[in-house]
PDB file of N, CA and C in Angstrom:
ATOM      1  N   MET A   1     -20.901 -47.027 -11.164  1.00  0.00           N
ATOM      2  CA  MET A   1     -21.252 -45.727 -10.645  1.00  0.00           C
ATOM      3  C   MET A   1     -21.639 -45.808  -9.166  1.00  0.00           C
ATOM      4  N   LEU A   2     -22.360 -46.876  -8.798  1.00  0.00           N
ATOM      5  CA  LEU A   2     -22.736 -47.020  -7.390  1.00  0.00           C
ATOM      6  C   LEU A   2     -21.495 -47.195  -6.527  1.00  0.00           C
ATOM      7  N   ASP A   3     -20.540 -47.949  -7.017  1.00  0.00           N
ATOM      8  CA  ASP A   3     -19.296 -48.164  -6.274  1.00  0.00           C
ATOM      9  C   ASP A   3     -18.587 -46.831  -6.026  1.00  0.00           C
ATOM     10  N   VAL A   4     -18.498 -46.004  -7.028  1.00  0.00           N
ATOM     11  CA  VAL A   4     -17.876 -44.683  -6.874  1.00  0.00           C
ATOM     12  C   VAL A   4     -18.670 -43.849  -5.875  1.00  0.00           C
ATOM     13  N   GLY A   5     -19.977 -43.842  -6.022  1.00  0.00           N
ATOM     14  CA  GLY A   5     -20.809 -43.048  -5.129  1.00  0.00           C
ATOM     15  C   GLY A   5     -20.676 -43.451  -3.672  1.00  0.00           C
ATOM     16  N   PHE A   6     -20.736 -44.739  -3.412  1.00  0.00           N
ATOM     17  CA  PHE A   6     -20.692 -45.193  -2.026  1.00  0.00           C
ATOM     18  C   PHE A   6     -19.272 -45.276  -1.466  1.00  0.00           C
ATOM     19  N   ASN A   7     -18.337 -45.775  -2.245  1.00  0.00           N
ATOM     20  CA  ASN A   7     -16.983 -45.988  -1.713  1.00  0.00           C
ATOM     21  C   ASN A   7     -16.059 -44.783  -1.849  1.00  0.00           C
ATOM     22  N   ASP A   8     -16.146 -44.054  -2.940  1.00  0.00           N
ATOM     23  CA  ASP A   8     -15.259 -42.905  -3.137  1.00  0.00           C
ATOM     24  C   ASP A   8     -15.864 -41.604  -2.597  1.00  0.00           C
ATOM     25  N   LEU A   9     -17.161 -41.435  -2.795  1.00  0.00           N
ATOM     26  CA  LEU A   9     -17.807 -40.190  -2.388  1.00  0.00           C
ATOM     27  C   LEU A   9     -18.506 -40.295  -1.039  1.00  0.00           C
ATOM     28  N   ASP A  10     -18.557 -41.497  -0.489  1.00  0.00           N
ATOM     29  CA  ASP A  10     -19.150 -41.737   0.831  1.00  0.00           C
ATOM     30  C   ASP A  10     -20.609 -41.263   0.917  1.00  0.00           C
ATOM     31  N   LEU A  11     -21.369 -41.529  -0.157  1.00  0.00           N
ATOM     32  CA  LEU A  11     -22.783 -41.163  -0.161  1.00  0.00           C
ATOM     33  C   LEU A  11     -23.586 -42.144   0.682  1.00  0.00           C
ATOM     34  N   HIS A  12     -24.703 -41.700   1.177  1.00  0.00           N
ATOM     35  CA  HIS A  12     -25.608 -42.555   1.958  1.00  0.00           C
ATOM     36  C   HIS A  12     -26.705 -43.153   1.076  1.00  0.00           C
ATOM     37  N   ARG A  13     -27.166 -42.381   0.079  1.00  0.00           N
ATOM     38  CA  ARG A  13     -28.287 -42.794  -0.770  1.00  0.00           C
ATOM     39  C   ARG A  13     -28.047 -42.318  -2.188  1.00  0.00           C
ATOM     40  N   ILE A  14     -28.351 -43.183  -3.150  1.00  0.00           N
ATOM     41  CA  ILE A  14     -28.271 -42.829  -4.560  1.00  0.00           C
ATOM     42  C   ILE A  14     -29.629 -43.141  -5.175  1.00  0.00           C
ATOM     43  N   TRP A  15     -30.131 -42.203  -5.956  1.00  0.00           N
ATOM     44  CA  TRP A  15     -31.426 -42.434  -6.593  1.00  0.00           C
ATOM     45  C   TRP A  15     -31.357 -42.102  -8.077  1.00  0.00           C
ATOM     46  N   GLY A  16     -32.314 -42.627  -8.803  1.00  0.00           N
ATOM     47  CA  GLY A  16     -32.426 -42.355 -10.223  1.00  0.00           C
ATOM     48  C   GLY A  16     -33.880 -42.438 -10.634  1.00  0.00           C
ATOM     49  N   ALA A  17     -34.193 -41.869 -11.774  1.00  0.00           N
ATOM     50  CA  ALA A  17     -35.558 -41.883 -12.273  1.00  0.00           C
ATOM     51  C   ALA A  17     -35.575 -42.406 -13.701  1.00  0.00           C
ATOM     52  N   ARG A  18     -36.706 -42.990 -14.055  1.00  0.00           N
ATOM     53  CA  ARG A  18     -36.872 -43.546 -15.402  1.00  0.00           C
ATOM     54  C   ARG A  18     -38.290 -43.294 -15.881  1.00  0.00           C
ATOM     55  N   SER A  19     -38.489 -43.443 -17.160  1.00  0.00           N
ATOM     56  CA  SER A  19     -39.823 -43.377 -17.735  1.00  0.00           C
ATOM     57  C   SER A  19     -40.596 -44.631 -17.326  1.00  0.00           C
ATOM     58  N   PRO A  20     -41.878 -44.515 -17.063  1.00  0.00           N
ATOM     59  CA  PRO A  20     -42.673 -45.695 -16.709  1.00  0.00           C
ATOM     60  C   PRO A  20     -42.679 -46.781 -17.791  1.00  0.00           C
ATOM     61  N   ILE A  21     -42.423 -46.402 -19.034  1.00  0.00           N
ATOM     62  CA  ILE A  21     -42.432 -47.405 -20.109  1.00  0.00           C
ATOM     63  C   ILE A  21     -41.046 -47.998 -20.386  1.00  0.00           C
ATOM     64  N   ASN A  22     -40.018 -47.523 -19.701  1.00  0.00           N
ATOM     65  CA  ASN A  22     -38.655 -48.000 -19.941  1.00  0.00           C
ATOM     66  C   ASN A  22     -38.355 -49.213 -19.053  1.00  0.00           C
ATOM     67  N   GLU A  23     -38.768 -50.362 -19.517  1.00  0.00           N
ATOM     68  CA  GLU A  23     -38.574 -51.595 -18.747  1.00  0.00           C
ATOM     69  C   GLU A  23     -37.105 -52.021 -18.684  1.00  0.00           C
ATOM     70  N   ALA A  24     -36.314 -51.665 -19.689  1.00  0.00           N
ATOM     71  CA  ALA A  24     -34.885 -52.003 -19.655  1.00  0.00           C
ATOM     72  C   ALA A  24     -34.204 -51.295 -18.480  1.00  0.00           C
ATOM     73  N   SER A  25     -34.537 -50.035 -18.262  1.00  0.00           N
ATOM     74  CA  SER A  25     -33.972 -49.307 -17.116  1.00  0.00           C
ATOM     75  C   SER A  25     -34.465 -49.885 -15.807  1.00  0.00           C
ATOM     76  N   ALA A  26     -35.734 -50.251 -15.747  1.00  0.00           N
ATOM     77  CA  ALA A  26     -36.282 -50.855 -14.525  1.00  0.00           C
ATOM     78  C   ALA A  26     -35.529 -52.136 -14.191  1.00  0.00           C
ATOM     79  N   LYS A  27     -35.282 -52.949 -15.190  1.00  0.00           N
ATOM     80  CA  LYS A  27     -34.563 -54.220 -14.989  1.00  0.00           C
ATOM     81  C   LYS A  27     -33.139 -53.968 -14.508  1.00  0.00           C
ATOM     82  N   THR A  28     -32.462 -52.990 -15.097  1.00  0.00           N
ATOM     83  CA  THR A  28     -31.096 -52.664 -14.708  1.00  0.00           C
ATOM     84  C   THR A  28     -31.036 -52.160 -13.271  1.00  0.00           C
ATOM     85  N   MET A  29     -31.953 -51.274 -12.916  1.00  0.00           N
ATOM     86  CA  MET A  29     -31.960 -50.734 -11.555  1.00  0.00           C
ATOM     87  C   MET A  29     -32.235 -51.830 -10.529  1.00  0.00           C
ATOM     88  N   ARG A  30     -33.170 -52.728 -10.820  1.00  0.00           N
ATOM     89  CA  ARG A  30     -33.429 -53.847  -9.908  1.00  0.00           C
ATOM     90  C   ARG A  30     -32.216 -54.761  -9.798  1.00  0.00           C
ATOM     91  N   ALA A  31     -31.541 -54.986 -10.910  1.00  0.00           N
ATOM     92  CA  ALA A  31     -30.389 -55.895 -10.931  1.00  0.00           C
ATOM     93  C   ALA A  31     -29.252 -55.427 -10.031  1.00  0.00           C
ATOM     94  N   VAL A  32     -29.105 -54.109  -9.857  1.00  0.00           N
ATOM     95  CA  VAL A  32     -28.041 -53.588  -8.995  1.00  0.00           C
ATOM     96  C   VAL A  32     -28.528 -53.337  -7.569  1.00  0.00           C
ATOM     97  N   GLY A  33     -29.771 -53.707  -7.290  1.00  0.00           N
ATOM     98  CA  GLY A  33     -30.282 -53.614  -5.930  1.00  0.00           C
ATOM     99  C   GLY A  33     -31.101 -52.381  -5.614  1.00  0.00           C
ATOM    100  N   MET A  34     -31.379 -51.573  -6.616  1.00  0.00           N
ATOM    101  CA  MET A  34     -32.191 -50.384  -6.369  1.00  0.00           C
ATOM    102  C   MET A  34     -33.655 -50.786  -6.185  1.00  0.00           C
ATOM    103  N   VAL A  35     -34.351 -50.056  -5.333  1.00  0.00           N
ATOM    104  CA  VAL A  35     -35.735 -50.345  -5.000  1.00  0.00           C
ATOM    105  C   VAL A  35     -36.629 -49.267  -5.603  1.00  0.00           C
ATOM    106  N   GLU A  36     -37.722 -49.687  -6.226  1.00  0.00           N
ATOM    107  CA  GLU A  36     -38.678 -48.723  -6.750  1.00  0.00           C
ATOM    108  C   GLU A  36     -39.400 -48.054  -5.583  1.00  0.00           C
ATOM    109  N   GLU A  37     -39.350 -46.726  -5.549  1.00  0.00           N
ATOM    110  CA  GLU A  37     -39.933 -45.980  -4.435  1.00  0.00           C
ATOM    111  C   GLU A  37     -41.259 -45.324  -4.773  1.00  0.00           C
ATOM    112  N   GLY A  38     -41.497 -45.040  -6.024  1.00  0.00           N
ATOM    113  CA  GLY A  38     -42.759 -44.412  -6.386  1.00  0.00           C
ATOM    114  C   GLY A  38     -42.673 -43.631  -7.672  1.00  0.00           C
ATOM    115  N   THR A  39     -43.754 -42.933  -7.965  1.00  0.00           N
ATOM    116  CA  THR A  39     -43.879 -42.190  -9.206  1.00  0.00           C
ATOM    117  C   THR A  39     -44.027 -40.697  -8.924  1.00  0.00           C
ATOM    118  N   ILE A  40     -43.250 -39.909  -9.650  1.00  0.00           N
ATOM    119  CA  ILE A  40     -43.419 -38.460  -9.640  1.00  0.00           C
ATOM    120  C   ILE A  40     -44.315 -38.165 -10.845  1.00  0.00           C
ATOM    121  N   ARG A  41     -45.487 -37.672 -10.564  1.00  0.00           N
ATOM    122  CA  ARG A  41     -46.477 -37.505 -11.625  1.00  0.00           C
ATOM    123  C   ARG A  41     -46.312 -36.190 -12.377  1.00  0.00           C
ATOM    124  N   GLU A  42     -46.345 -36.294 -13.707  1.00  0.00           N
ATOM    125  CA  GLU A  42     -46.354 -35.149 -14.619  1.00  0.00           C
ATOM    126  C   GLU A  42     -45.380 -34.039 -14.247  1.00  0.00           C
ATOM    127  N   HIS A  43     -44.132 -34.391 -14.083  1.00  0.00           N
ATOM    128  CA  HIS A  43     -43.146 -33.374 -13.702  1.00  0.00           C
ATOM    129  C   HIS A  43     -42.169 -33.027 -14.815  1.00  0.00           C
ATOM    130  N   VAL A  44     -42.229 -33.740 -15.935  1.00  0.00           N
ATOM    131  CA  VAL A  44     -41.332 -33.472 -17.058  1.00  0.00           C
ATOM    132  C   VAL A  44     -42.186 -33.151 -18.286  1.00  0.00           C
ATOM    133  N   LEU A  45     -41.910 -32.015 -18.908  1.00  0.00           N
ATOM    134  CA  LEU A  45     -42.599 -31.641 -20.139  1.00  0.00           C
ATOM    135  C   LEU A  45     -41.720 -32.037 -21.308  1.00  0.00           C
ATOM    136  N   LYS A  46     -42.197 -32.982 -22.102  1.00  0.00           N
ATOM    137  CA  LYS A  46     -41.416 -33.479 -23.228  1.00  0.00           C
ATOM    138  C   LYS A  46     -42.323 -33.562 -24.451  1.00  0.00           C
ATOM    139  N   ALA A  47     -41.893 -32.938 -25.515  1.00  0.00           N
ATOM    140  CA  ALA A  47     -42.657 -32.923 -26.768  1.00  0.00           C
ATOM    141  C   ALA A  47     -44.093 -32.454 -26.543  1.00  0.00           C
ATOM    142  N   GLY A  48     -44.244 -31.459 -25.681  1.00  0.00           N
ATOM    143  CA  GLY A  48     -45.552 -30.889 -25.435  1.00  0.00           C
ATOM    144  C   GLY A  48     -46.469 -31.696 -24.529  1.00  0.00           C
ATOM    145  N   GLU A  49     -45.947 -32.766 -23.935  1.00  0.00           N
ATOM    146  CA  GLU A  49     -46.743 -33.604 -23.041  1.00  0.00           C
ATOM    147  C   GLU A  49     -46.079 -33.707 -21.677  1.00  0.00           C
ATOM    148  N   TRP A  50     -46.888 -33.668 -20.628  1.00  0.00           N
ATOM    149  CA  TRP A  50     -46.368 -33.892 -19.282  1.00  0.00           C
ATOM    150  C   TRP A  50     -46.194 -35.386 -19.072  1.00  0.00           C
ATOM    151  N   ARG A  51     -45.049 -35.755 -18.520  1.00  0.00           N
ATOM    152  CA  ARG A  51     -44.739 -37.176 -18.326  1.00  0.00           C
ATOM    153  C   ARG A  51     -44.355 -37.470 -16.890  1.00  0.00           C
ATOM    154  N   ASP A  52     -44.615 -38.706 -16.500  1.00  0.00           N
ATOM    155  CA  ASP A  52     -44.268 -39.194 -15.172  1.00  0.00           C
ATOM    156  C   ASP A  52     -42.844 -39.740 -15.166  1.00  0.00           C
ATOM    157  N   SER A  53     -42.279 -39.892 -13.982  1.00  0.00           N
ATOM    158  CA  SER A  53     -41.017 -40.598 -13.791  1.00  0.00           C
ATOM    159  C   SER A  53     -41.174 -41.549 -12.612  1.00  0.00           C
ATOM    160  N   VAL A  54     -40.548 -42.701 -12.721  1.00  0.00           N
ATOM    161  CA  VAL A  54     -40.531 -43.675 -11.632  1.00  0.00           C
ATOM    162  C   VAL A  54     -39.170 -43.577 -10.957  1.00  0.00           C
ATOM    163  N   VAL A  55     -39.178 -43.423  -9.636  1.00  0.00           N
ATOM    164  CA  VAL A  55     -37.948 -43.228  -8.860  1.00  0.00           C
ATOM    165  C   VAL A  55     -37.506 -44.549  -8.228  1.00  0.00           C
ATOM    166  N   HIS A  56     -36.211 -44.826  -8.329  1.00  0.00           N
ATOM    167  CA  HIS A  56     -35.576 -45.985  -7.695  1.00  0.00           C
ATOM    168  C   HIS A  56     -34.434 -45.462  -6.828  1.00  0.00           C
ATOM    169  N   ALA A  57     -34.131 -46.152  -5.743  1.00  0.00           N
ATOM    170  CA  ALA A  57     -33.019 -45.723  -4.886  1.00  0.00           C
ATOM    171  C   ALA A  57     -32.384 -46.916  -4.182  1.00  0.00           C
ATOM    172  N   ILE A  58     -31.180 -46.673  -3.683  1.00  0.00           N
ATOM    173  CA  ILE A  58     -30.451 -47.681  -2.915  1.00  0.00           C
ATOM    174  C   ILE A  58     -29.652 -46.962  -1.820  1.00  0.00           C
ATOM    175  N   PHE A  59     -29.566 -47.580  -0.652  1.00  0.00           N
ATOM    176  CA  PHE A  59     -28.779 -47.047   0.457  1.00  0.00           C
ATOM    177  C   PHE A  59     -27.406 -47.725   0.488  1.00  0.00           C
ATOM    178  N   ASP A  60     -26.460 -47.058   1.110  1.00  0.00           N
ATOM    179  CA  ASP A  60     -25.109 -47.613   1.222  1.00  0.00           C
ATOM    180  C   ASP A  60     -25.122 -48.995   1.862  1.00  0.00           C
ATOM    181  N   ARG A  61     -25.945 -49.205   2.876  1.00  0.00           N
ATOM    182  CA  ARG A  61     -25.984 -50.499   3.580  1.00  0.00           C
ATOM    183  C   ARG A  61     -26.576 -51.619   2.710  1.00  0.00           C
ATOM    184  N   GLU A  62     -27.257 -51.261   1.624  1.00  0.00           N
ATOM    185  CA  GLU A  62     -27.862 -52.253   0.726  1.00  0.00           C
ATOM    186  C   GLU A  62     -26.959 -52.611  -0.443  1.00  0.00           C
ATOM    187  N   PHE A  63     -25.922 -51.821  -0.660  1.00  0.00           N
ATOM    188  CA  PHE A  63     -25.057 -52.003  -1.823  1.00  0.00           C
ATOM    189  C   PHE A  63     -24.050 -53.127  -1.630  1.00  0.00           C
ATOM    190  N   SER A  64     -23.975 -53.971  -2.664  1.00  0.00           N
ATOM    191  CA  SER A  64     -22.968 -55.045  -2.681  1.00  0.00           C
ATOM    192  C   SER A  64     -22.091 -54.835  -3.923  1.00  0.00           C
ATOM    193  N   PRO A  65     -20.816 -54.524  -3.734  1.00  0.00           N
ATOM    194  CA  PRO A  65     -19.935 -54.340  -4.882  1.00  0.00           C
ATOM    195  C   PRO A  65     -19.954 -55.575  -5.784  1.00  0.00           C
ATOM    196  N   GLY A  66     -19.923 -55.318  -7.092  1.00  0.00           N
ATOM    197  CA  GLY A  66     -19.924 -56.415  -8.055  1.00  0.00           C
ATOM    198  C   GLY A  66     -21.307 -56.877  -8.442  1.00  0.00           C
ATOM    199  N   SER A  67     -22.330 -56.235  -7.902  1.00  0.00           N
ATOM    200  CA  SER A  67     -23.691 -56.655  -8.268  1.00  0.00           C
ATOM    201  C   SER A  67     -24.143 -55.988  -9.531  1.00  0.00           C
TER     202      SER A  67
END
């Protein structure tokens, strides 16, 4: 997906968000070079509870195809 975003769509920055307890997503995002930028506090209402999201992002200059 990053390859399509940067090479086909000519994007400058791609970001994604995950649950703070989703360590599998955190590991995947780090593995492709995404950097954790911070937490958006209580912005998603799920099952009657407000939940946080952790934001990760990568810039075109940081992307290495095949990573």
